[in-house]
């Protein structure tokens, strides 16, 4: 376990302290903001409403369940039972830390709720839309990765928090998508 924690801190330092530039310093704090994703999600909802032939209402209900479940699992079940200091609050990380936000979150770092929610949505979108948009649906995972990379870059999460959150989110997204696909279809 100590080796994993040491690797986690090493990767954090690479991303936060070495792999940076002025453009990312400006862009990534914006990308990690929840409001940044609203245009994409609104576009997807409109895309499904326009192009879906049936079960559009059910798709919206199932899609809305993913972030609700992801946030509940990450924020209520895990964070309230496993506390880990965020890098921005960890005294052992203070030396050289680049913190790029105007506030320091005080909740547990493990797991990243951003990672859980966005990777959950990416998996749901991929699993329910791949028959309509094909390989383009893989871009949902790139979108989620950029958002969670920003979490490490700005100093609020360790990479391990991101990886665990992403895995949990993808499991939630897969289960919800499987339930939708089993009982409904957009085509």
N, C-alpha and C. Protein backbone atom coordinates (compact mmCIF):
# COMPACT_ATOMS: atom_id res chain seq x y z
N UNK A 1 0.82 -1.19 0.00
CA UNK A 1 0.00 0.00 0.00
C UNK A 1 0.87 1.26 0.00
N UNK A 2 1.97 1.21 0.74
CA UNK A 2 2.87 2.36 0.80
C UNK A 2 3.45 2.67 -0.59
N UNK A 3 3.74 1.62 -1.36
CA UNK A 3 4.26 1.82 -2.71
C UNK A 3 3.24 2.50 -3.61
N UNK A 4 1.96 2.12 -3.48
CA UNK A 4 0.90 2.75 -4.26
C UNK A 4 0.74 4.22 -3.89
N UNK A 5 0.79 4.52 -2.60
CA UNK A 5 0.67 5.91 -2.16
C UNK A 5 1.86 6.74 -2.62
N UNK A 6 3.05 6.15 -2.60
CA UNK A 6 4.25 6.86 -3.08
C UNK A 6 4.14 7.11 -4.58
N UNK A 7 3.67 6.13 -5.34
CA UNK A 7 3.48 6.30 -6.79
C UNK A 7 2.44 7.38 -7.06
N UNK A 8 1.37 7.39 -6.28
CA UNK A 8 0.30 8.38 -6.42
C UNK A 8 0.85 9.79 -6.23
N UNK A 9 1.65 9.98 -5.20
CA UNK A 9 2.24 11.30 -4.93
C UNK A 9 3.25 11.68 -6.01
N UNK A 10 4.00 10.71 -6.49
CA UNK A 10 4.98 10.97 -7.56
C UNK A 10 4.26 11.43 -8.83
N UNK A 11 3.20 10.72 -9.22
CA UNK A 11 2.43 11.10 -10.42
C UNK A 11 1.77 12.47 -10.23
N UNK A 12 1.27 12.72 -9.03
CA UNK A 12 0.68 14.03 -8.76
C UNK A 12 1.71 15.14 -9.00
N UNK A 13 2.90 14.94 -8.46
CA UNK A 13 3.95 15.97 -8.62
C UNK A 13 4.32 16.18 -10.08
N UNK A 14 4.36 15.10 -10.87
CA UNK A 14 4.64 15.25 -12.30
C UNK A 14 3.59 16.13 -12.97
N UNK A 15 2.33 15.78 -12.75
CA UNK A 15 1.24 16.49 -13.42
C UNK A 15 1.10 17.92 -12.89
N UNK A 16 1.13 18.09 -11.60
CA UNK A 16 0.87 19.39 -10.99
C UNK A 16 2.07 20.33 -11.02
N UNK A 17 3.28 19.79 -10.87
CA UNK A 17 4.44 20.65 -10.69
C UNK A 17 5.38 20.70 -11.90
N UNK A 18 5.33 19.67 -12.76
CA UNK A 18 6.27 19.66 -13.87
C UNK A 18 5.61 19.80 -15.24
N UNK A 19 4.48 19.14 -15.44
CA UNK A 19 3.82 19.16 -16.75
C UNK A 19 2.82 20.31 -16.82
N UNK A 20 3.29 21.52 -16.75
CA UNK A 20 2.37 22.66 -16.77
C UNK A 20 2.85 23.71 -17.75
N UNK A 21 1.90 24.56 -18.14
CA UNK A 21 2.22 25.71 -19.00
C UNK A 21 1.14 26.77 -18.79
N UNK A 22 1.38 27.95 -19.28
CA UNK A 22 0.48 29.08 -19.05
C UNK A 22 -0.91 28.84 -19.63
N UNK A 23 -0.97 28.20 -20.81
CA UNK A 23 -2.28 27.94 -21.44
C UNK A 23 -3.11 26.99 -20.58
N UNK A 24 -2.52 25.88 -20.12
CA UNK A 24 -3.24 24.95 -19.25
C UNK A 24 -3.58 25.58 -17.90
N UNK A 25 -2.71 26.45 -17.42
CA UNK A 25 -3.00 27.16 -16.16
C UNK A 25 -4.27 28.00 -16.28
N UNK A 26 -4.54 28.50 -17.48
CA UNK A 26 -5.76 29.27 -17.73
C UNK A 26 -6.95 28.33 -18.02
N UNK A 27 -6.73 27.33 -18.89
CA UNK A 27 -7.82 26.49 -19.38
C UNK A 27 -8.33 25.44 -18.38
N UNK A 28 -7.44 24.72 -17.74
CA UNK A 28 -7.88 23.57 -16.94
C UNK A 28 -8.70 23.93 -15.69
N UNK A 29 -8.46 25.07 -15.04
CA UNK A 29 -9.40 25.43 -13.96
C UNK A 29 -10.83 25.65 -14.48
N UNK A 30 -10.96 26.12 -15.73
CA UNK A 30 -12.29 26.29 -16.33
C UNK A 30 -12.91 24.94 -16.68
N UNK A 31 -12.11 24.04 -17.24
CA UNK A 31 -12.59 22.74 -17.69
C UNK A 31 -13.15 21.92 -16.54
N UNK A 32 -12.54 21.99 -15.37
CA UNK A 32 -12.98 21.17 -14.24
C UNK A 32 -14.26 21.71 -13.59
N UNK A 33 -14.64 22.93 -13.95
CA UNK A 33 -15.86 23.52 -13.42
C UNK A 33 -17.07 22.81 -14.01
N UNK A 34 -18.02 22.46 -13.18
CA UNK A 34 -19.21 21.71 -13.62
C UNK A 34 -19.97 22.42 -14.73
N UNK A 35 -19.98 23.73 -14.72
CA UNK A 35 -20.71 24.48 -15.74
C UNK A 35 -20.11 24.32 -17.13
N UNK A 36 -18.84 23.96 -17.21
CA UNK A 36 -18.17 23.82 -18.49
C UNK A 36 -18.77 22.69 -19.33
N UNK A 37 -19.30 21.66 -18.68
CA UNK A 37 -19.85 20.50 -19.38
C UNK A 37 -21.30 20.67 -19.80
N UNK A 38 -21.97 21.68 -19.30
CA UNK A 38 -23.39 21.86 -19.59
C UNK A 38 -23.67 21.94 -21.09
N UNK A 39 -22.91 22.71 -21.89
CA UNK A 39 -23.22 22.74 -23.33
C UNK A 39 -23.14 21.37 -24.00
N UNK A 40 -22.17 20.56 -23.65
CA UNK A 40 -22.07 19.22 -24.24
C UNK A 40 -23.28 18.38 -23.85
N UNK A 41 -23.64 18.39 -22.59
CA UNK A 41 -24.76 17.56 -22.15
C UNK A 41 -26.08 18.05 -22.73
N UNK A 42 -26.27 19.36 -22.85
CA UNK A 42 -27.47 19.88 -23.51
C UNK A 42 -27.51 19.48 -24.97
N UNK A 43 -26.36 19.57 -25.64
CA UNK A 43 -26.29 19.15 -27.05
C UNK A 43 -26.69 17.68 -27.18
N UNK A 44 -26.16 16.83 -26.29
CA UNK A 44 -26.48 15.40 -26.36
C UNK A 44 -27.96 15.14 -26.14
N UNK A 45 -28.55 15.83 -25.16
CA UNK A 45 -29.98 15.66 -24.93
C UNK A 45 -30.78 16.09 -26.16
N UNK A 46 -30.43 17.22 -26.77
CA UNK A 46 -31.11 17.66 -27.98
C UNK A 46 -30.87 16.69 -29.13
N UNK A 47 -29.65 16.19 -29.26
CA UNK A 47 -29.32 15.22 -30.30
C UNK A 47 -30.20 13.98 -30.16
N UNK A 48 -30.35 13.48 -28.96
CA UNK A 48 -31.17 12.28 -28.73
C UNK A 48 -32.65 12.59 -28.98
N UNK A 49 -33.11 13.75 -28.55
CA UNK A 49 -34.51 14.12 -28.78
C UNK A 49 -34.80 14.19 -30.28
N UNK A 50 -33.89 14.75 -31.04
CA UNK A 50 -34.09 14.91 -32.48
C UNK A 50 -33.89 13.60 -33.23
N UNK A 51 -32.88 12.82 -32.86
CA UNK A 51 -32.52 11.62 -33.62
C UNK A 51 -33.06 10.31 -33.07
N UNK A 52 -33.46 10.31 -31.82
CA UNK A 52 -33.99 9.09 -31.23
C UNK A 52 -35.37 8.80 -31.80
N UNK A 53 -35.61 7.56 -32.15
CA UNK A 53 -36.89 7.20 -32.74
C UNK A 53 -37.89 6.73 -31.69
N UNK A 54 -37.39 6.20 -30.58
CA UNK A 54 -38.28 5.77 -29.51
C UNK A 54 -37.53 5.78 -28.18
N UNK A 55 -38.26 5.70 -27.12
CA UNK A 55 -37.71 5.65 -25.75
C UNK A 55 -36.83 6.84 -25.38
N UNK A 56 -37.02 7.97 -26.03
CA UNK A 56 -36.23 9.17 -25.73
C UNK A 56 -36.44 9.62 -24.28
N UNK A 57 -37.68 9.61 -23.85
CA UNK A 57 -37.97 10.00 -22.47
C UNK A 57 -37.29 9.08 -21.47
N UNK A 58 -37.32 7.79 -21.74
CA UNK A 58 -36.65 6.85 -20.84
C UNK A 58 -35.14 7.05 -20.87
N UNK A 59 -34.58 7.37 -22.04
CA UNK A 59 -33.14 7.61 -22.13
C UNK A 59 -32.76 8.79 -21.23
N UNK A 60 -33.56 9.84 -21.26
CA UNK A 60 -33.28 11.02 -20.43
C UNK A 60 -33.36 10.65 -18.95
N UNK A 61 -34.36 9.87 -18.57
CA UNK A 61 -34.50 9.45 -17.17
C UNK A 61 -33.27 8.62 -16.75
N UNK A 62 -32.89 7.64 -17.56
CA UNK A 62 -31.75 6.81 -17.23
C UNK A 62 -30.46 7.63 -17.20
N UNK A 63 -30.30 8.55 -18.16
CA UNK A 63 -29.11 9.40 -18.21
C UNK A 63 -29.02 10.26 -16.95
N UNK A 64 -30.15 10.77 -16.49
CA UNK A 64 -30.16 11.60 -15.28
C UNK A 64 -29.83 10.78 -14.04
N UNK A 65 -30.13 9.50 -14.06
CA UNK A 65 -29.84 8.63 -12.91
C UNK A 65 -28.34 8.42 -12.72
N UNK A 66 -27.58 8.45 -13.79
CA UNK A 66 -26.14 8.15 -13.70
C UNK A 66 -25.41 9.12 -12.78
N UNK A 67 -25.46 10.44 -12.99
CA UNK A 67 -24.72 11.33 -12.08
C UNK A 67 -25.29 11.33 -10.66
N UNK A 68 -26.59 11.10 -10.53
CA UNK A 68 -27.18 11.04 -9.19
C UNK A 68 -26.61 9.84 -8.43
N UNK A 69 -26.60 8.69 -9.07
CA UNK A 69 -26.04 7.48 -8.44
C UNK A 69 -24.54 7.63 -8.21
N UNK A 70 -23.84 8.17 -9.20
CA UNK A 70 -22.38 8.33 -9.09
C UNK A 70 -22.03 9.25 -7.93
N UNK A 71 -22.74 10.36 -7.82
CA UNK A 71 -22.46 11.29 -6.73
C UNK A 71 -22.79 10.67 -5.37
N UNK A 72 -23.90 9.93 -5.31
CA UNK A 72 -24.27 9.28 -4.05
C UNK A 72 -23.19 8.28 -3.62
N UNK A 73 -22.75 7.45 -4.54
CA UNK A 73 -21.74 6.44 -4.20
C UNK A 73 -20.43 7.12 -3.80
N UNK A 74 -19.97 8.09 -4.60
CA UNK A 74 -18.70 8.74 -4.33
C UNK A 74 -18.75 9.63 -3.09
N UNK A 75 -19.73 10.51 -3.03
CA UNK A 75 -19.77 11.51 -1.96
C UNK A 75 -20.34 10.99 -0.65
N UNK A 76 -21.36 10.17 -0.72
CA UNK A 76 -22.03 9.72 0.51
C UNK A 76 -21.48 8.40 1.03
N UNK A 77 -21.30 7.43 0.17
CA UNK A 77 -20.85 6.12 0.64
C UNK A 77 -19.35 6.05 0.86
N UNK A 78 -18.58 6.56 -0.09
CA UNK A 78 -17.12 6.41 0.00
C UNK A 78 -16.47 7.55 0.78
N UNK A 79 -16.69 8.78 0.36
CA UNK A 79 -16.01 9.92 1.00
C UNK A 79 -16.33 10.04 2.49
N UNK A 80 -17.54 9.69 2.87
CA UNK A 80 -17.90 9.80 4.29
C UNK A 80 -17.34 8.66 5.12
N UNK A 81 -16.79 7.63 4.47
CA UNK A 81 -16.24 6.50 5.20
C UNK A 81 -14.74 6.31 5.01
N UNK A 82 -14.19 6.90 3.98
CA UNK A 82 -12.74 6.82 3.73
C UNK A 82 -12.24 8.25 3.55
N UNK A 83 -11.56 8.77 4.54
CA UNK A 83 -11.09 10.14 4.45
C UNK A 83 -9.63 10.17 4.02
N UNK A 84 -9.36 10.95 3.01
CA UNK A 84 -7.99 11.19 2.54
C UNK A 84 -7.85 12.68 2.29
N UNK A 85 -6.79 13.25 2.83
CA UNK A 85 -6.55 14.67 2.59
C UNK A 85 -6.34 14.93 1.11
N UNK A 86 -6.89 16.03 0.65
CA UNK A 86 -6.63 16.45 -0.72
C UNK A 86 -5.19 16.96 -0.79
N UNK A 87 -4.58 16.90 -1.97
CA UNK A 87 -3.20 17.40 -2.07
C UNK A 87 -3.06 18.85 -1.62
N UNK A 88 -4.06 19.67 -1.91
CA UNK A 88 -3.99 21.09 -1.54
C UNK A 88 -4.09 21.30 -0.03
N UNK A 89 -4.51 20.29 0.72
CA UNK A 89 -4.62 20.39 2.17
C UNK A 89 -3.61 19.51 2.90
N UNK A 90 -2.83 18.76 2.16
CA UNK A 90 -1.88 17.81 2.74
C UNK A 90 -0.54 18.50 3.01
N UNK A 91 -0.13 18.65 4.28
CA UNK A 91 1.13 19.33 4.58
C UNK A 91 2.35 18.68 3.92
N UNK A 92 2.30 17.37 3.70
CA UNK A 92 3.44 16.70 3.06
C UNK A 92 3.56 17.06 1.58
N UNK A 93 2.51 17.67 1.01
CA UNK A 93 2.53 18.04 -0.41
C UNK A 93 2.74 19.55 -0.60
N UNK A 94 2.83 20.31 0.48
CA UNK A 94 2.88 21.77 0.39
C UNK A 94 4.08 22.28 -0.40
N UNK A 95 5.20 21.59 -0.31
CA UNK A 95 6.41 22.04 -1.00
C UNK A 95 6.24 21.91 -2.51
N UNK A 96 6.14 23.03 -3.18
CA UNK A 96 6.05 23.05 -4.64
C UNK A 96 4.66 22.89 -5.21
N UNK A 97 3.64 22.72 -4.37
CA UNK A 97 2.27 22.54 -4.85
C UNK A 97 1.82 23.76 -5.63
N UNK A 98 1.24 23.52 -6.78
CA UNK A 98 0.64 24.58 -7.60
C UNK A 98 -0.86 24.47 -7.43
N UNK A 99 -1.46 25.38 -6.69
CA UNK A 99 -2.90 25.35 -6.46
C UNK A 99 -3.53 26.45 -7.29
N UNK A 100 -4.46 26.09 -8.20
CA UNK A 100 -4.97 27.04 -9.18
C UNK A 100 -6.43 27.43 -9.01
N UNK A 101 -6.99 27.18 -7.84
CA UNK A 101 -8.39 27.55 -7.61
C UNK A 101 -8.46 28.65 -6.55
N UNK A 102 -9.62 29.29 -6.45
CA UNK A 102 -9.79 30.36 -5.48
C UNK A 102 -10.28 29.86 -4.12
N UNK A 103 -10.58 28.57 -4.01
CA UNK A 103 -11.03 27.98 -2.75
C UNK A 103 -10.43 26.60 -2.60
N UNK A 104 -10.30 26.13 -1.36
CA UNK A 104 -9.76 24.80 -1.10
C UNK A 104 -10.88 23.90 -0.60
N UNK A 105 -11.27 22.91 -1.41
CA UNK A 105 -12.29 21.97 -0.94
C UNK A 105 -11.81 21.25 0.32
N UNK A 106 -12.71 21.03 1.26
CA UNK A 106 -12.34 20.39 2.52
C UNK A 106 -12.79 18.94 2.61
N UNK A 107 -13.58 18.50 1.64
CA UNK A 107 -14.06 17.11 1.69
C UNK A 107 -12.92 16.15 1.37
N UNK A 108 -13.20 14.88 1.55
CA UNK A 108 -12.20 13.85 1.28
C UNK A 108 -11.81 13.84 -0.19
N UNK A 109 -10.58 13.51 -0.44
CA UNK A 109 -10.07 13.44 -1.80
C UNK A 109 -10.46 12.13 -2.49
N UNK A 110 -10.75 11.10 -1.69
CA UNK A 110 -11.01 9.78 -2.24
C UNK A 110 -12.48 9.43 -2.10
N UNK A 111 -13.13 9.16 -3.16
CA UNK A 111 -12.79 9.18 -4.57
C UNK A 111 -13.19 10.52 -5.17
N UNK A 112 -12.70 10.77 -6.36
CA UNK A 112 -13.08 11.99 -7.05
C UNK A 112 -14.52 11.86 -7.56
N UNK A 113 -15.38 12.75 -7.07
CA UNK A 113 -16.77 12.73 -7.55
C UNK A 113 -16.85 13.20 -9.00
N UNK A 114 -15.96 14.10 -9.41
CA UNK A 114 -15.90 14.49 -10.82
C UNK A 114 -15.62 13.27 -11.68
N UNK A 115 -14.64 12.48 -11.30
CA UNK A 115 -14.28 11.30 -12.08
C UNK A 115 -15.43 10.30 -12.10
N UNK A 116 -16.04 10.08 -10.96
CA UNK A 116 -17.15 9.11 -10.88
C UNK A 116 -18.30 9.55 -11.78
N UNK A 117 -18.68 10.81 -11.69
CA UNK A 117 -19.81 11.31 -12.48
C UNK A 117 -19.50 11.36 -13.96
N UNK A 118 -18.37 11.94 -14.34
CA UNK A 118 -18.08 12.12 -15.76
C UNK A 118 -17.76 10.80 -16.46
N UNK A 119 -17.06 9.91 -15.81
CA UNK A 119 -16.81 8.61 -16.43
C UNK A 119 -18.08 7.76 -16.44
N UNK A 120 -18.95 7.94 -15.44
CA UNK A 120 -20.25 7.28 -15.48
C UNK A 120 -21.07 7.74 -16.67
N UNK A 121 -21.10 9.05 -16.89
CA UNK A 121 -21.82 9.59 -18.04
C UNK A 121 -21.18 9.14 -19.35
N UNK A 122 -19.85 9.15 -19.40
CA UNK A 122 -19.15 8.72 -20.63
C UNK A 122 -19.52 7.28 -20.97
N UNK A 123 -19.52 6.41 -19.97
CA UNK A 123 -19.86 5.00 -20.22
C UNK A 123 -21.32 4.86 -20.65
N UNK A 124 -22.22 5.61 -20.00
CA UNK A 124 -23.63 5.55 -20.38
C UNK A 124 -23.81 6.04 -21.81
N UNK A 125 -23.24 7.19 -22.14
CA UNK A 125 -23.38 7.73 -23.50
C UNK A 125 -22.78 6.77 -24.52
N UNK A 126 -21.59 6.27 -24.22
CA UNK A 126 -20.95 5.33 -25.15
C UNK A 126 -21.83 4.10 -25.37
N UNK A 127 -22.32 3.52 -24.29
CA UNK A 127 -23.07 2.27 -24.38
C UNK A 127 -24.45 2.42 -25.01
N UNK A 128 -25.04 3.60 -24.90
CA UNK A 128 -26.38 3.79 -25.46
C UNK A 128 -26.38 4.50 -26.81
N UNK A 129 -25.29 5.18 -27.16
CA UNK A 129 -25.26 5.93 -28.41
C UNK A 129 -24.32 5.35 -29.47
N UNK A 130 -23.54 4.34 -29.14
CA UNK A 130 -22.55 3.83 -30.11
C UNK A 130 -23.22 3.28 -31.36
N UNK A 131 -24.45 2.79 -31.26
CA UNK A 131 -25.15 2.30 -32.45
C UNK A 131 -25.63 3.43 -33.35
N UNK A 132 -25.71 4.63 -32.80
CA UNK A 132 -26.16 5.78 -33.57
C UNK A 132 -24.98 6.57 -34.13
N UNK A 133 -23.95 6.80 -33.32
CA UNK A 133 -22.84 7.66 -33.76
C UNK A 133 -21.54 6.90 -33.98
N UNK A 134 -21.54 5.60 -33.77
CA UNK A 134 -20.37 4.77 -34.07
C UNK A 134 -19.16 5.08 -33.20
N UNK A 135 -17.99 5.05 -33.82
CA UNK A 135 -16.73 5.23 -33.09
C UNK A 135 -16.60 6.60 -32.44
N UNK A 136 -17.36 7.56 -32.90
CA UNK A 136 -17.32 8.90 -32.29
C UNK A 136 -17.68 8.84 -30.81
N UNK A 137 -18.42 7.82 -30.43
CA UNK A 137 -18.85 7.71 -29.04
C UNK A 137 -17.67 7.50 -28.08
N UNK A 138 -16.52 7.08 -28.60
CA UNK A 138 -15.32 6.95 -27.76
C UNK A 138 -14.83 8.30 -27.26
N UNK A 139 -15.20 9.38 -27.95
CA UNK A 139 -14.78 10.72 -27.53
C UNK A 139 -15.34 11.12 -26.17
N UNK A 140 -16.41 10.46 -25.73
CA UNK A 140 -16.95 10.76 -24.40
C UNK A 140 -15.92 10.44 -23.32
N UNK A 141 -15.12 9.39 -23.54
CA UNK A 141 -14.08 9.04 -22.57
C UNK A 141 -12.94 10.06 -22.59
N UNK A 142 -12.62 10.59 -23.77
CA UNK A 142 -11.60 11.64 -23.85
C UNK A 142 -12.07 12.88 -23.09
N UNK A 143 -13.32 13.23 -23.27
CA UNK A 143 -13.90 14.38 -22.55
C UNK A 143 -13.77 14.18 -21.04
N UNK A 144 -14.17 13.01 -20.56
CA UNK A 144 -14.10 12.71 -19.13
C UNK A 144 -12.65 12.75 -18.65
N UNK A 145 -11.73 12.21 -19.46
CA UNK A 145 -10.31 12.21 -19.07
C UNK A 145 -9.78 13.63 -18.92
N UNK A 146 -10.11 14.51 -19.85
CA UNK A 146 -9.64 15.90 -19.79
C UNK A 146 -10.13 16.57 -18.51
N UNK A 147 -11.39 16.33 -18.16
CA UNK A 147 -11.96 16.94 -16.96
C UNK A 147 -11.24 16.43 -15.71
N UNK A 148 -11.01 15.13 -15.63
CA UNK A 148 -10.39 14.60 -14.41
C UNK A 148 -8.89 14.87 -14.36
N UNK A 149 -8.26 14.96 -15.52
CA UNK A 149 -6.85 15.36 -15.54
C UNK A 149 -6.72 16.76 -14.93
N UNK A 150 -7.69 17.61 -15.24
CA UNK A 150 -7.70 18.97 -14.70
C UNK A 150 -7.78 18.96 -13.18
N UNK A 151 -8.45 17.97 -12.61
CA UNK A 151 -8.56 17.88 -11.15
C UNK A 151 -7.19 17.70 -10.50
N UNK A 152 -6.35 16.90 -11.12
CA UNK A 152 -4.99 16.70 -10.62
C UNK A 152 -4.16 17.95 -10.91
N UNK A 153 -4.28 18.46 -12.11
CA UNK A 153 -3.49 19.61 -12.56
C UNK A 153 -3.66 20.81 -11.63
N UNK A 154 -4.91 21.08 -11.20
CA UNK A 154 -5.17 22.26 -10.36
C UNK A 154 -4.85 22.02 -8.89
N UNK A 155 -4.61 20.75 -8.49
CA UNK A 155 -4.17 20.47 -7.13
C UNK A 155 -5.21 19.95 -6.16
N UNK A 156 -6.37 19.48 -6.64
CA UNK A 156 -7.41 19.05 -5.71
C UNK A 156 -7.55 17.53 -5.57
N UNK A 157 -6.92 16.75 -6.44
CA UNK A 157 -7.00 15.29 -6.35
C UNK A 157 -5.68 14.63 -6.72
N UNK A 158 -5.45 13.49 -6.10
CA UNK A 158 -4.35 12.62 -6.49
C UNK A 158 -4.81 11.76 -7.66
N UNK A 159 -3.90 11.29 -8.51
CA UNK A 159 -4.29 10.42 -9.62
C UNK A 159 -5.05 9.17 -9.17
N UNK A 160 -4.70 8.58 -8.03
CA UNK A 160 -5.40 7.40 -7.55
C UNK A 160 -6.87 7.67 -7.24
N UNK A 161 -7.17 8.88 -6.76
CA UNK A 161 -8.56 9.27 -6.51
C UNK A 161 -9.35 9.30 -7.80
N UNK A 162 -8.66 9.74 -8.86
CA UNK A 162 -9.26 9.84 -10.19
C UNK A 162 -9.51 8.45 -10.76
N UNK A 163 -8.49 7.60 -10.70
CA UNK A 163 -8.60 6.25 -11.28
C UNK A 163 -9.72 5.47 -10.59
N UNK A 164 -9.75 5.48 -9.27
CA UNK A 164 -10.79 4.75 -8.54
C UNK A 164 -12.18 5.33 -8.83
N UNK A 165 -12.27 6.65 -8.85
CA UNK A 165 -13.55 7.29 -9.19
C UNK A 165 -14.00 6.94 -10.59
N UNK A 166 -13.06 6.93 -11.54
CA UNK A 166 -13.40 6.60 -12.93
C UNK A 166 -13.89 5.16 -13.05
N UNK A 167 -13.23 4.24 -12.37
CA UNK A 167 -13.64 2.83 -12.43
C UNK A 167 -15.05 2.64 -11.84
N UNK A 168 -15.31 3.28 -10.71
CA UNK A 168 -16.63 3.19 -10.09
C UNK A 168 -17.68 3.83 -11.00
N UNK A 169 -17.35 4.98 -11.55
CA UNK A 169 -18.28 5.66 -12.46
C UNK A 169 -18.59 4.83 -13.69
N UNK A 170 -17.55 4.22 -14.28
CA UNK A 170 -17.79 3.40 -15.46
C UNK A 170 -18.66 2.19 -15.12
N UNK A 171 -18.49 1.62 -13.94
CA UNK A 171 -19.34 0.50 -13.53
C UNK A 171 -20.79 0.96 -13.41
N UNK A 172 -21.00 2.12 -12.79
CA UNK A 172 -22.36 2.65 -12.65
C UNK A 172 -22.96 2.95 -14.02
N UNK A 173 -22.19 3.64 -14.88
CA UNK A 173 -22.67 3.95 -16.22
C UNK A 173 -23.00 2.71 -17.03
N UNK A 174 -22.18 1.68 -16.89
CA UNK A 174 -22.41 0.43 -17.61
C UNK A 174 -23.69 -0.25 -17.14
N UNK A 175 -23.87 -0.31 -15.83
CA UNK A 175 -25.07 -0.97 -15.28
C UNK A 175 -26.33 -0.23 -15.71
N UNK A 176 -26.33 1.08 -15.60
CA UNK A 176 -27.51 1.86 -15.99
C UNK A 176 -27.76 1.73 -17.49
N UNK A 177 -26.70 1.79 -18.30
CA UNK A 177 -26.85 1.64 -19.75
C UNK A 177 -27.37 0.24 -20.10
N UNK A 178 -26.86 -0.75 -19.41
CA UNK A 178 -27.32 -2.13 -19.67
C UNK A 178 -28.81 -2.27 -19.35
N UNK A 179 -29.24 -1.67 -18.24
CA UNK A 179 -30.67 -1.69 -17.91
C UNK A 179 -31.49 -0.98 -18.99
N UNK A 180 -30.99 0.17 -19.46
CA UNK A 180 -31.69 0.89 -20.52
C UNK A 180 -31.74 0.04 -21.78
N UNK A 181 -30.58 -0.45 -22.22
CA UNK A 181 -30.51 -1.21 -23.48
C UNK A 181 -31.32 -2.50 -23.44
N UNK A 182 -31.44 -3.09 -22.26
CA UNK A 182 -32.19 -4.33 -22.12
C UNK A 182 -33.68 -4.10 -22.31
N UNK A 183 -34.17 -2.95 -21.86
CA UNK A 183 -35.60 -2.68 -21.87
C UNK A 183 -36.07 -1.64 -22.89
N UNK A 184 -35.12 -0.88 -23.45
CA UNK A 184 -35.47 0.22 -24.34
C UNK A 184 -34.47 0.32 -25.48
N UNK A 185 -34.78 1.19 -26.42
CA UNK A 185 -33.89 1.44 -27.54
C UNK A 185 -34.15 2.82 -28.10
N UNK A 186 -33.11 3.46 -28.60
CA UNK A 186 -33.29 4.77 -29.24
C UNK A 186 -33.56 4.61 -30.74
N UNK A 187 -33.21 3.46 -31.29
CA UNK A 187 -33.35 3.23 -32.75
C UNK A 187 -34.75 2.80 -33.11
